[in-house]
């Protein structure tokens, strides 16, 4: 029972976070967001490592954070969804006489999410089969959403870079306040 609740909560929270971050056109005003926690916890080590670098190398390293962190965020969401569905598979497998261990349920979830379909671990109960179909559809939809969202993000980063270049042209090189 506890695995069902934990798995369902993980899946629901991650889907809500992904929806609010990618699809929702307005700013979310909730105080606690996993996406915000992700960026706070990854920015500090990135910035700390950047302080070890000097000059142009530091600036280049810091400039990689935005695009790289977005890809890491997608990976964190996918990992959390796999873990959530792994818990759901484990809870649904309690009626299965062979009852696989939790690690095997995570493996089944990962191969289902990415629609690998290796066939070495198969769902046995009808609840597991329904979840496998739902997770494979969700995995395809999630990956399609990410792939379709990347050009939008790239375009936003390109517009930002154009703005920075235009500011550089106005301020002169090296920049002065005059």
N, C-alpha and C. Protein backbone atom coordinates (compact mmCIF):
# COMPACT_ATOMS: atom_id res chain seq x y z
N UNK A 1 0.82 -1.20 0.00
CA UNK A 1 0.00 0.00 0.00
C UNK A 1 0.87 1.26 0.00
N UNK A 2 1.92 1.24 0.82
CA UNK A 2 2.79 2.42 0.90
C UNK A 2 3.52 2.66 -0.42
N UNK A 3 3.88 1.57 -1.11
CA UNK A 3 4.57 1.72 -2.40
C UNK A 3 3.64 2.33 -3.45
N UNK A 4 2.37 2.00 -3.38
CA UNK A 4 1.39 2.57 -4.30
C UNK A 4 1.27 4.07 -4.08
N UNK A 5 1.17 4.48 -2.82
CA UNK A 5 1.02 5.91 -2.51
C UNK A 5 2.27 6.68 -2.91
N UNK A 6 3.44 6.15 -2.54
CA UNK A 6 4.70 6.83 -2.87
C UNK A 6 4.88 6.92 -4.38
N UNK A 7 4.65 5.82 -5.09
CA UNK A 7 4.80 5.83 -6.54
C UNK A 7 3.84 6.78 -7.23
N UNK A 8 2.58 6.76 -6.80
CA UNK A 8 1.58 7.65 -7.41
C UNK A 8 1.90 9.11 -7.12
N UNK A 9 2.38 9.41 -5.90
CA UNK A 9 2.75 10.79 -5.58
C UNK A 9 3.93 11.27 -6.42
N UNK A 10 4.93 10.42 -6.56
CA UNK A 10 6.10 10.80 -7.37
C UNK A 10 5.68 11.09 -8.81
N UNK A 11 4.90 10.19 -9.40
CA UNK A 11 4.47 10.37 -10.79
C UNK A 11 3.62 11.63 -10.92
N UNK A 12 2.68 11.83 -10.01
CA UNK A 12 1.79 13.00 -10.10
C UNK A 12 2.57 14.30 -9.93
N UNK A 13 3.48 14.36 -8.98
CA UNK A 13 4.25 15.58 -8.73
C UNK A 13 5.15 15.91 -9.92
N UNK A 14 5.80 14.91 -10.48
CA UNK A 14 6.70 15.15 -11.61
C UNK A 14 5.91 15.59 -12.84
N UNK A 15 4.76 14.96 -13.08
CA UNK A 15 3.94 15.38 -14.22
C UNK A 15 3.43 16.80 -14.04
N UNK A 16 3.05 17.17 -12.82
CA UNK A 16 2.63 18.54 -12.54
C UNK A 16 3.78 19.53 -12.74
N UNK A 17 4.96 19.18 -12.24
CA UNK A 17 6.14 20.04 -12.42
C UNK A 17 6.46 20.24 -13.90
N UNK A 18 6.46 19.15 -14.66
CA UNK A 18 6.77 19.25 -16.08
C UNK A 18 5.72 20.09 -16.80
N UNK A 19 4.46 19.90 -16.46
CA UNK A 19 3.40 20.69 -17.08
C UNK A 19 3.56 22.17 -16.76
N UNK A 20 3.79 22.49 -15.49
CA UNK A 20 3.92 23.89 -15.10
C UNK A 20 5.18 24.54 -15.67
N UNK A 21 6.24 23.78 -15.80
CA UNK A 21 7.49 24.35 -16.28
C UNK A 21 7.51 24.51 -17.80
N UNK A 22 7.00 23.53 -18.51
CA UNK A 22 7.14 23.55 -19.96
C UNK A 22 5.91 24.10 -20.66
N UNK A 23 4.74 23.64 -20.28
CA UNK A 23 3.54 23.93 -21.05
C UNK A 23 2.81 25.18 -20.57
N UNK A 24 2.71 25.37 -19.27
CA UNK A 24 1.92 26.47 -18.71
C UNK A 24 2.54 27.81 -19.10
N UNK A 25 1.77 28.70 -19.73
CA UNK A 25 2.36 29.95 -20.24
C UNK A 25 2.56 31.03 -19.18
N UNK A 26 2.07 30.83 -17.98
CA UNK A 26 2.22 31.87 -16.96
C UNK A 26 3.14 31.38 -15.86
N UNK A 27 3.57 32.29 -15.04
CA UNK A 27 4.47 31.98 -13.94
C UNK A 27 3.71 31.29 -12.81
N UNK A 28 4.29 30.26 -12.24
CA UNK A 28 3.68 29.52 -11.15
C UNK A 28 4.11 30.17 -9.84
N UNK A 29 3.16 30.40 -8.94
CA UNK A 29 3.47 31.15 -7.72
C UNK A 29 3.50 30.28 -6.47
N UNK A 30 3.49 28.95 -6.62
CA UNK A 30 3.61 28.09 -5.45
C UNK A 30 4.95 28.32 -4.77
N UNK A 31 4.96 28.19 -3.44
CA UNK A 31 6.22 28.42 -2.72
C UNK A 31 7.22 27.28 -2.96
N UNK A 32 6.77 26.05 -2.89
CA UNK A 32 7.69 24.92 -3.06
C UNK A 32 7.50 24.31 -4.44
N UNK A 33 8.57 24.30 -5.20
CA UNK A 33 8.57 23.65 -6.51
C UNK A 33 9.84 22.84 -6.64
N UNK A 34 9.70 21.62 -7.15
CA UNK A 34 10.87 20.77 -7.33
C UNK A 34 11.83 21.35 -8.36
N UNK A 35 11.30 22.00 -9.38
CA UNK A 35 12.16 22.60 -10.40
C UNK A 35 13.02 23.70 -9.80
N UNK A 36 12.44 24.50 -8.94
CA UNK A 36 13.20 25.56 -8.27
C UNK A 36 14.27 24.95 -7.37
N UNK A 37 13.90 23.91 -6.63
CA UNK A 37 14.86 23.20 -5.78
C UNK A 37 16.00 22.61 -6.61
N UNK A 38 15.67 22.08 -7.78
CA UNK A 38 16.69 21.53 -8.67
C UNK A 38 17.68 22.61 -9.08
N UNK A 39 17.16 23.77 -9.49
CA UNK A 39 18.06 24.83 -9.95
C UNK A 39 18.89 25.41 -8.82
N UNK A 40 18.33 25.53 -7.64
CA UNK A 40 19.10 26.02 -6.50
C UNK A 40 20.22 25.04 -6.15
N UNK A 41 19.88 23.75 -6.13
CA UNK A 41 20.88 22.76 -5.72
C UNK A 41 21.94 22.49 -6.79
N UNK A 42 21.66 22.77 -8.05
CA UNK A 42 22.68 22.55 -9.07
C UNK A 42 23.49 23.81 -9.36
N UNK A 43 22.89 25.00 -9.14
CA UNK A 43 23.61 26.23 -9.42
C UNK A 43 24.77 26.42 -8.46
N UNK A 44 24.58 26.15 -7.20
CA UNK A 44 25.64 26.39 -6.20
C UNK A 44 26.91 25.60 -6.50
N UNK A 45 26.85 24.29 -6.76
CA UNK A 45 28.10 23.59 -7.12
C UNK A 45 28.69 24.07 -8.44
N UNK A 46 27.83 24.38 -9.41
CA UNK A 46 28.32 24.87 -10.71
C UNK A 46 29.08 26.18 -10.51
N UNK A 47 28.49 27.08 -9.74
CA UNK A 47 29.12 28.37 -9.48
C UNK A 47 30.41 28.18 -8.66
N UNK A 48 30.36 27.24 -7.69
CA UNK A 48 31.55 26.97 -6.89
C UNK A 48 32.71 26.46 -7.73
N UNK A 49 32.41 25.58 -8.68
CA UNK A 49 33.46 25.09 -9.56
C UNK A 49 33.95 26.20 -10.48
N UNK A 50 33.05 27.08 -10.90
CA UNK A 50 33.43 28.19 -11.78
C UNK A 50 34.40 29.14 -11.09
N UNK A 51 34.28 29.27 -9.76
CA UNK A 51 35.20 30.15 -9.03
C UNK A 51 36.63 29.63 -9.04
N UNK A 52 36.81 28.35 -9.33
CA UNK A 52 38.15 27.79 -9.43
C UNK A 52 38.80 28.15 -10.76
N UNK A 53 37.99 28.53 -11.73
CA UNK A 53 38.49 28.89 -13.06
C UNK A 53 38.75 30.38 -13.12
N UNK A 54 39.45 30.82 -14.16
CA UNK A 54 39.77 32.24 -14.27
C UNK A 54 39.46 32.77 -15.66
N UNK A 55 39.12 34.05 -15.70
CA UNK A 55 38.97 34.79 -16.95
C UNK A 55 37.88 34.27 -17.86
N UNK A 56 38.24 34.17 -19.12
CA UNK A 56 37.29 33.77 -20.16
C UNK A 56 36.81 32.33 -19.96
N UNK A 57 37.65 31.48 -19.41
CA UNK A 57 37.26 30.09 -19.15
C UNK A 57 36.10 30.05 -18.16
N UNK A 58 36.15 30.90 -17.15
CA UNK A 58 35.07 30.95 -16.16
C UNK A 58 33.78 31.40 -16.82
N UNK A 59 33.84 32.44 -17.64
CA UNK A 59 32.64 32.95 -18.30
C UNK A 59 32.04 31.91 -19.24
N UNK A 60 32.90 31.20 -19.97
CA UNK A 60 32.41 30.16 -20.87
C UNK A 60 31.75 29.03 -20.07
N UNK A 61 32.37 28.64 -18.97
CA UNK A 61 31.82 27.57 -18.14
C UNK A 61 30.46 27.97 -17.57
N UNK A 62 30.34 29.18 -17.09
CA UNK A 62 29.07 29.65 -16.54
C UNK A 62 28.01 29.73 -17.64
N UNK A 63 28.40 30.09 -18.86
CA UNK A 63 27.42 30.21 -19.94
C UNK A 63 26.81 28.87 -20.33
N UNK A 64 27.47 27.77 -20.01
CA UNK A 64 26.94 26.45 -20.32
C UNK A 64 25.86 26.00 -19.34
N UNK A 65 25.75 26.68 -18.21
CA UNK A 65 24.83 26.22 -17.16
C UNK A 65 23.38 26.20 -17.63
N UNK A 66 22.90 27.24 -18.26
CA UNK A 66 21.50 27.32 -18.67
C UNK A 66 21.07 26.15 -19.54
N UNK A 67 21.69 25.96 -20.70
CA UNK A 67 21.28 24.83 -21.55
C UNK A 67 21.55 23.47 -20.92
N UNK A 68 22.68 23.31 -20.25
CA UNK A 68 23.00 22.02 -19.65
C UNK A 68 22.04 21.69 -18.51
N UNK A 69 21.69 22.70 -17.71
CA UNK A 69 20.80 22.44 -16.58
C UNK A 69 19.41 22.03 -17.06
N UNK A 70 18.97 22.56 -18.19
CA UNK A 70 17.68 22.16 -18.73
C UNK A 70 17.70 20.68 -19.13
N UNK A 71 18.78 20.25 -19.76
CA UNK A 71 18.89 18.84 -20.12
C UNK A 71 18.98 17.96 -18.87
N UNK A 72 19.72 18.41 -17.86
CA UNK A 72 19.78 17.66 -16.60
C UNK A 72 18.42 17.60 -15.93
N UNK A 73 17.65 18.68 -16.02
CA UNK A 73 16.30 18.70 -15.44
C UNK A 73 15.41 17.67 -16.12
N UNK A 74 15.48 17.58 -17.45
CA UNK A 74 14.71 16.57 -18.16
C UNK A 74 15.12 15.17 -17.72
N UNK A 75 16.42 14.96 -17.54
CA UNK A 75 16.90 13.66 -17.07
C UNK A 75 16.43 13.35 -15.65
N UNK A 76 16.41 14.37 -14.80
CA UNK A 76 15.93 14.16 -13.43
C UNK A 76 14.44 13.83 -13.42
N UNK A 77 13.67 14.50 -14.26
CA UNK A 77 12.24 14.19 -14.36
C UNK A 77 12.03 12.76 -14.85
N UNK A 78 12.74 12.37 -15.89
CA UNK A 78 12.60 11.01 -16.42
C UNK A 78 12.99 9.98 -15.37
N UNK A 79 14.08 10.23 -14.65
CA UNK A 79 14.50 9.30 -13.59
C UNK A 79 13.46 9.19 -12.50
N UNK A 80 12.89 10.31 -12.11
CA UNK A 80 11.86 10.29 -11.06
C UNK A 80 10.61 9.55 -11.53
N UNK A 81 10.23 9.74 -12.79
CA UNK A 81 9.07 9.01 -13.32
C UNK A 81 9.34 7.50 -13.34
N UNK A 82 10.54 7.11 -13.70
CA UNK A 82 10.90 5.69 -13.71
C UNK A 82 10.85 5.13 -12.29
N UNK A 83 11.35 5.88 -11.32
CA UNK A 83 11.31 5.43 -9.93
C UNK A 83 9.86 5.33 -9.44
N UNK A 84 9.06 6.33 -9.76
CA UNK A 84 7.65 6.31 -9.35
C UNK A 84 6.91 5.11 -9.93
N UNK A 85 7.08 4.86 -11.22
CA UNK A 85 6.44 3.70 -11.83
C UNK A 85 7.04 2.39 -11.31
N UNK A 86 8.32 2.40 -10.97
CA UNK A 86 8.92 1.21 -10.36
C UNK A 86 8.23 0.84 -9.06
N UNK A 87 7.95 1.85 -8.23
CA UNK A 87 7.21 1.60 -7.00
C UNK A 87 5.80 1.08 -7.30
N UNK A 88 5.15 1.64 -8.32
CA UNK A 88 3.82 1.17 -8.68
C UNK A 88 3.84 -0.27 -9.19
N UNK A 89 4.85 -0.62 -9.99
CA UNK A 89 4.99 -2.00 -10.45
C UNK A 89 5.23 -2.94 -9.27
N UNK A 90 6.05 -2.50 -8.33
CA UNK A 90 6.35 -3.33 -7.15
C UNK A 90 5.08 -3.56 -6.33
N UNK A 91 4.28 -2.52 -6.18
CA UNK A 91 3.03 -2.65 -5.42
C UNK A 91 2.04 -3.55 -6.16
N UNK A 92 1.98 -3.44 -7.48
CA UNK A 92 1.04 -4.27 -8.24
C UNK A 92 1.49 -5.72 -8.33
N UNK A 93 2.78 -5.96 -8.14
CA UNK A 93 3.31 -7.32 -8.26
C UNK A 93 3.11 -8.14 -6.99
N UNK A 94 2.51 -7.56 -5.95
CA UNK A 94 2.31 -8.33 -4.71
C UNK A 94 1.37 -9.50 -4.93
N UNK A 95 0.50 -9.40 -5.95
CA UNK A 95 -0.41 -10.52 -6.25
C UNK A 95 0.24 -11.54 -7.17
N UNK A 96 1.42 -11.22 -7.66
CA UNK A 96 2.16 -12.13 -8.54
C UNK A 96 2.88 -13.17 -7.69
N UNK A 97 2.73 -14.47 -7.99
CA UNK A 97 3.40 -15.48 -7.16
C UNK A 97 4.93 -15.40 -7.24
N UNK A 98 5.48 -14.89 -8.35
CA UNK A 98 6.94 -14.79 -8.47
C UNK A 98 7.47 -13.50 -7.87
N UNK A 99 6.65 -12.56 -7.54
CA UNK A 99 6.95 -11.24 -6.95
C UNK A 99 8.41 -10.83 -7.11
N UNK A 100 8.71 -10.06 -8.17
CA UNK A 100 10.10 -9.63 -8.41
C UNK A 100 10.57 -8.63 -7.36
N UNK A 101 11.88 -8.54 -7.14
CA UNK A 101 12.40 -7.54 -6.19
C UNK A 101 12.23 -6.12 -6.75
N UNK A 102 12.41 -5.14 -5.87
CA UNK A 102 12.22 -3.74 -6.23
C UNK A 102 13.14 -3.32 -7.37
N UNK A 103 14.38 -3.79 -7.37
CA UNK A 103 15.33 -3.43 -8.43
C UNK A 103 14.82 -3.89 -9.80
N UNK A 104 14.22 -5.07 -9.84
CA UNK A 104 13.68 -5.58 -11.10
C UNK A 104 12.50 -4.74 -11.55
N UNK A 105 11.71 -4.25 -10.62
CA UNK A 105 10.58 -3.38 -10.97
C UNK A 105 11.08 -2.05 -11.53
N UNK A 106 12.18 -1.51 -10.98
CA UNK A 106 12.78 -0.30 -11.53
C UNK A 106 13.29 -0.55 -12.95
N UNK A 107 13.89 -1.72 -13.15
CA UNK A 107 14.39 -2.09 -14.48
C UNK A 107 13.22 -2.21 -15.46
N UNK A 108 12.14 -2.87 -15.04
CA UNK A 108 10.96 -2.98 -15.89
C UNK A 108 10.41 -1.60 -16.22
N UNK A 109 10.39 -0.72 -15.24
CA UNK A 109 9.90 0.64 -15.46
C UNK A 109 10.78 1.40 -16.46
N UNK A 110 12.08 1.26 -16.33
CA UNK A 110 12.99 1.95 -17.25
C UNK A 110 12.86 1.45 -18.68
N UNK A 111 12.79 0.14 -18.85
CA UNK A 111 12.65 -0.39 -20.21
C UNK A 111 11.28 -0.05 -20.80
N UNK A 112 10.27 0.07 -19.94
CA UNK A 112 8.94 0.44 -20.43
C UNK A 112 8.89 1.92 -20.77
N UNK A 113 9.46 2.77 -19.91
CA UNK A 113 9.43 4.21 -20.14
C UNK A 113 10.09 4.58 -21.45
N UNK A 114 11.21 3.98 -21.73
CA UNK A 114 11.93 4.28 -22.97
C UNK A 114 11.52 3.34 -24.11
N UNK A 115 10.47 2.57 -23.90
CA UNK A 115 9.88 1.63 -24.86
C UNK A 115 10.93 0.73 -25.51
N UNK A 116 11.84 0.23 -24.69
CA UNK A 116 12.85 -0.70 -25.21
C UNK A 116 12.23 -2.06 -25.49
N UNK A 117 11.38 -2.52 -24.60
CA UNK A 117 10.70 -3.79 -24.79
C UNK A 117 11.64 -4.97 -24.94
N UNK A 118 12.58 -5.09 -24.02
CA UNK A 118 13.55 -6.18 -24.11
C UNK A 118 12.91 -7.55 -23.91
N UNK A 119 11.89 -7.62 -23.08
CA UNK A 119 11.17 -8.87 -22.89
C UNK A 119 11.74 -9.79 -21.85
N UNK A 120 12.86 -9.43 -21.22
CA UNK A 120 13.41 -10.31 -20.19
C UNK A 120 12.64 -10.21 -18.88
N UNK A 121 11.98 -9.09 -18.63
CA UNK A 121 11.09 -8.94 -17.48
C UNK A 121 9.75 -8.49 -18.05
N UNK A 122 8.71 -9.25 -17.74
CA UNK A 122 7.39 -8.92 -18.27
C UNK A 122 6.40 -8.76 -17.13
N UNK A 123 5.44 -7.89 -17.30
CA UNK A 123 4.39 -7.76 -16.29
C UNK A 123 3.47 -8.99 -16.32
N UNK A 124 3.10 -9.46 -15.13
CA UNK A 124 2.29 -10.68 -15.05
C UNK A 124 0.84 -10.40 -14.70
N UNK A 125 0.59 -9.44 -13.84
CA UNK A 125 -0.79 -9.17 -13.44
C UNK A 125 -1.42 -8.18 -14.41
N UNK A 126 -2.73 -8.11 -14.41
CA UNK A 126 -3.41 -7.17 -15.32
C UNK A 126 -3.12 -5.73 -14.93
N UNK A 127 -2.96 -5.44 -13.63
CA UNK A 127 -2.62 -4.08 -13.21
C UNK A 127 -1.24 -3.68 -13.73
N UNK A 128 -0.30 -4.60 -13.69
CA UNK A 128 1.04 -4.33 -14.22
C UNK A 128 0.99 -4.08 -15.73
N UNK A 129 0.18 -4.84 -16.42
CA UNK A 129 0.07 -4.67 -17.87
C UNK A 129 -0.52 -3.32 -18.24
N UNK A 130 -1.55 -2.91 -17.51
CA UNK A 130 -2.16 -1.60 -17.76
C UNK A 130 -1.14 -0.49 -17.50
N UNK A 131 -0.40 -0.62 -16.39
CA UNK A 131 0.61 0.40 -16.08
C UNK A 131 1.72 0.42 -17.12
N UNK A 132 2.09 -0.76 -17.65
CA UNK A 132 3.14 -0.82 -18.66
C UNK A 132 2.70 -0.08 -19.93
N UNK A 133 1.45 -0.26 -20.32
CA UNK A 133 0.94 0.45 -21.49
C UNK A 133 0.89 1.95 -21.22
N UNK A 134 0.39 2.32 -20.04
CA UNK A 134 0.31 3.75 -19.69
C UNK A 134 1.70 4.37 -19.62
N UNK A 135 2.65 3.67 -19.00
CA UNK A 135 3.99 4.24 -18.87
C UNK A 135 4.69 4.35 -20.22
N UNK A 136 4.50 3.38 -21.10
CA UNK A 136 5.16 3.49 -22.41
C UNK A 136 4.57 4.64 -23.22
N UNK A 137 3.26 4.86 -23.11
CA UNK A 137 2.65 6.02 -23.78
C UNK A 137 3.13 7.32 -23.16
N UNK A 138 3.22 7.35 -21.84
CA UNK A 138 3.71 8.54 -21.15
C UNK A 138 5.17 8.81 -21.51
N UNK A 139 5.97 7.76 -21.60
CA UNK A 139 7.37 7.93 -21.97
C UNK A 139 7.53 8.50 -23.36
N UNK A 140 6.75 7.97 -24.30
CA UNK A 140 6.80 8.52 -25.67
C UNK A 140 6.36 9.97 -25.69
N UNK A 141 5.27 10.26 -24.99
CA UNK A 141 4.78 11.64 -24.94
C UNK A 141 5.77 12.57 -24.27
N UNK A 142 6.39 12.12 -23.19
CA UNK A 142 7.37 12.92 -22.47
C UNK A 142 8.58 13.22 -23.35
N UNK A 143 9.09 12.21 -24.03
CA UNK A 143 10.24 12.42 -24.91
C UNK A 143 9.87 13.31 -26.10
N UNK A 144 8.66 13.15 -26.63
CA UNK A 144 8.21 14.02 -27.73
C UNK A 144 8.09 15.46 -27.25
N UNK A 145 7.59 15.66 -26.04
CA UNK A 145 7.47 17.00 -25.48
C UNK A 145 8.85 17.64 -25.33
N UNK A 146 9.80 16.88 -24.85
CA UNK A 146 11.15 17.41 -24.68
C UNK A 146 11.77 17.75 -26.04
N UNK A 147 11.62 16.85 -26.98
CA UNK A 147 12.21 17.09 -28.30
C UNK A 147 11.57 18.30 -28.97
N UNK A 148 10.27 18.46 -28.81
CA UNK A 148 9.61 19.62 -29.43
C UNK A 148 9.89 20.90 -28.67
N UNK A 149 10.25 20.80 -27.40
CA UNK A 149 10.52 22.00 -26.60
C UNK A 149 11.94 22.52 -26.79
N UNK A 150 12.87 21.68 -27.14
CA UNK A 150 14.26 22.11 -27.28
C UNK A 150 14.46 23.22 -28.32
N UNK A 151 13.81 23.17 -29.50
CA UNK A 151 13.97 24.30 -30.42
C UNK A 151 13.45 25.62 -29.85
N UNK A 152 12.39 25.57 -29.06
CA UNK A 152 11.85 26.79 -28.45
C UNK A 152 12.88 27.38 -27.48
N UNK A 153 13.49 26.52 -26.68
CA UNK A 153 14.51 26.98 -25.74
C UNK A 153 15.73 27.50 -26.50
N UNK A 154 16.13 26.80 -27.55
CA UNK A 154 17.27 27.25 -28.33
C UNK A 154 17.00 28.63 -28.93
N UNK A 155 15.79 28.84 -29.40
CA UNK A 155 15.42 30.14 -29.96
C UNK A 155 15.49 31.23 -28.89
N UNK A 156 15.03 30.92 -27.67
CA UNK A 156 15.08 31.90 -26.59
C UNK A 156 16.53 32.22 -26.23
N UNK A 157 17.39 31.21 -26.17
CA UNK A 157 18.80 31.48 -25.89
C UNK A 157 19.44 32.29 -27.02
N UNK A 158 19.05 32.02 -28.27
CA UNK A 158 19.60 32.77 -29.40
C UNK A 158 19.18 34.24 -29.33
N UNK A 159 17.91 34.50 -28.99
CA UNK A 159 17.45 35.89 -28.86
C UNK A 159 18.21 36.59 -27.74
N UNK A 160 18.46 35.88 -26.65
CA UNK A 160 19.21 36.48 -25.55
C UNK A 160 20.63 36.83 -25.99
N UNK A 161 21.26 35.95 -26.74
CA UNK A 161 22.61 36.21 -27.21
C UNK A 161 22.64 37.40 -28.16
N UNK A 162 21.63 37.54 -29.00
CA UNK A 162 21.55 38.69 -29.90
C UNK A 162 21.44 39.97 -29.09
N UNK A 163 20.61 39.94 -28.04
CA UNK A 163 20.47 41.12 -27.17
C UNK A 163 21.79 41.47 -26.50
N UNK A 164 22.53 40.48 -26.08
CA UNK A 164 23.82 40.72 -25.44
C UNK A 164 24.80 41.33 -26.43
N UNK A 165 24.81 40.83 -27.65
CA UNK A 165 25.71 41.37 -28.67
C UNK A 165 25.35 42.82 -28.99
N UNK A 166 24.04 43.10 -29.06
CA UNK A 166 23.61 44.48 -29.33
C UNK A 166 23.99 45.41 -28.18
N UNK A 167 23.89 44.94 -26.95
CA UNK A 167 24.32 45.75 -25.81
C UNK A 167 25.82 45.99 -25.86
N UNK A 168 26.56 44.98 -26.27
CA UNK A 168 28.01 45.12 -26.38
C UNK A 168 28.36 46.17 -27.44
N UNK A 169 27.61 46.19 -28.53
CA UNK A 169 27.87 47.17 -29.58
C UNK A 169 27.57 48.59 -29.10
N UNK A 170 26.52 48.74 -28.30
CA UNK A 170 26.18 50.06 -27.76
C UNK A 170 27.19 50.55 -26.74
N UNK A 171 27.63 49.65 -25.88
CA UNK A 171 28.54 50.05 -24.80
C UNK A 171 29.97 50.19 -25.25
N UNK A 172 30.28 49.61 -26.37
CA UNK A 172 31.67 49.65 -26.83
C UNK A 172 32.43 48.49 -26.24
N UNK A 173 33.60 48.29 -26.75
CA UNK A 173 34.40 47.19 -26.25
C UNK A 173 35.80 47.72 -25.98
N UNK A 174 36.31 47.75 -24.81
CA UNK A 174 35.68 47.32 -23.55
C UNK A 174 34.55 48.26 -23.15
N UNK A 175 33.62 47.76 -22.35
CA UNK A 175 32.41 48.49 -22.00
C UNK A 175 32.73 49.67 -21.09
N UNK A 176 32.03 50.77 -21.37
CA UNK A 176 32.14 51.93 -20.50
C UNK A 176 30.72 52.45 -20.27
N UNK A 177 30.53 53.18 -19.20
CA UNK A 177 29.21 53.72 -18.91
C UNK A 177 28.89 54.93 -19.80
N UNK A 178 29.89 55.53 -20.36
CA UNK A 178 29.65 56.69 -21.21
C UNK A 178 29.12 56.21 -22.54
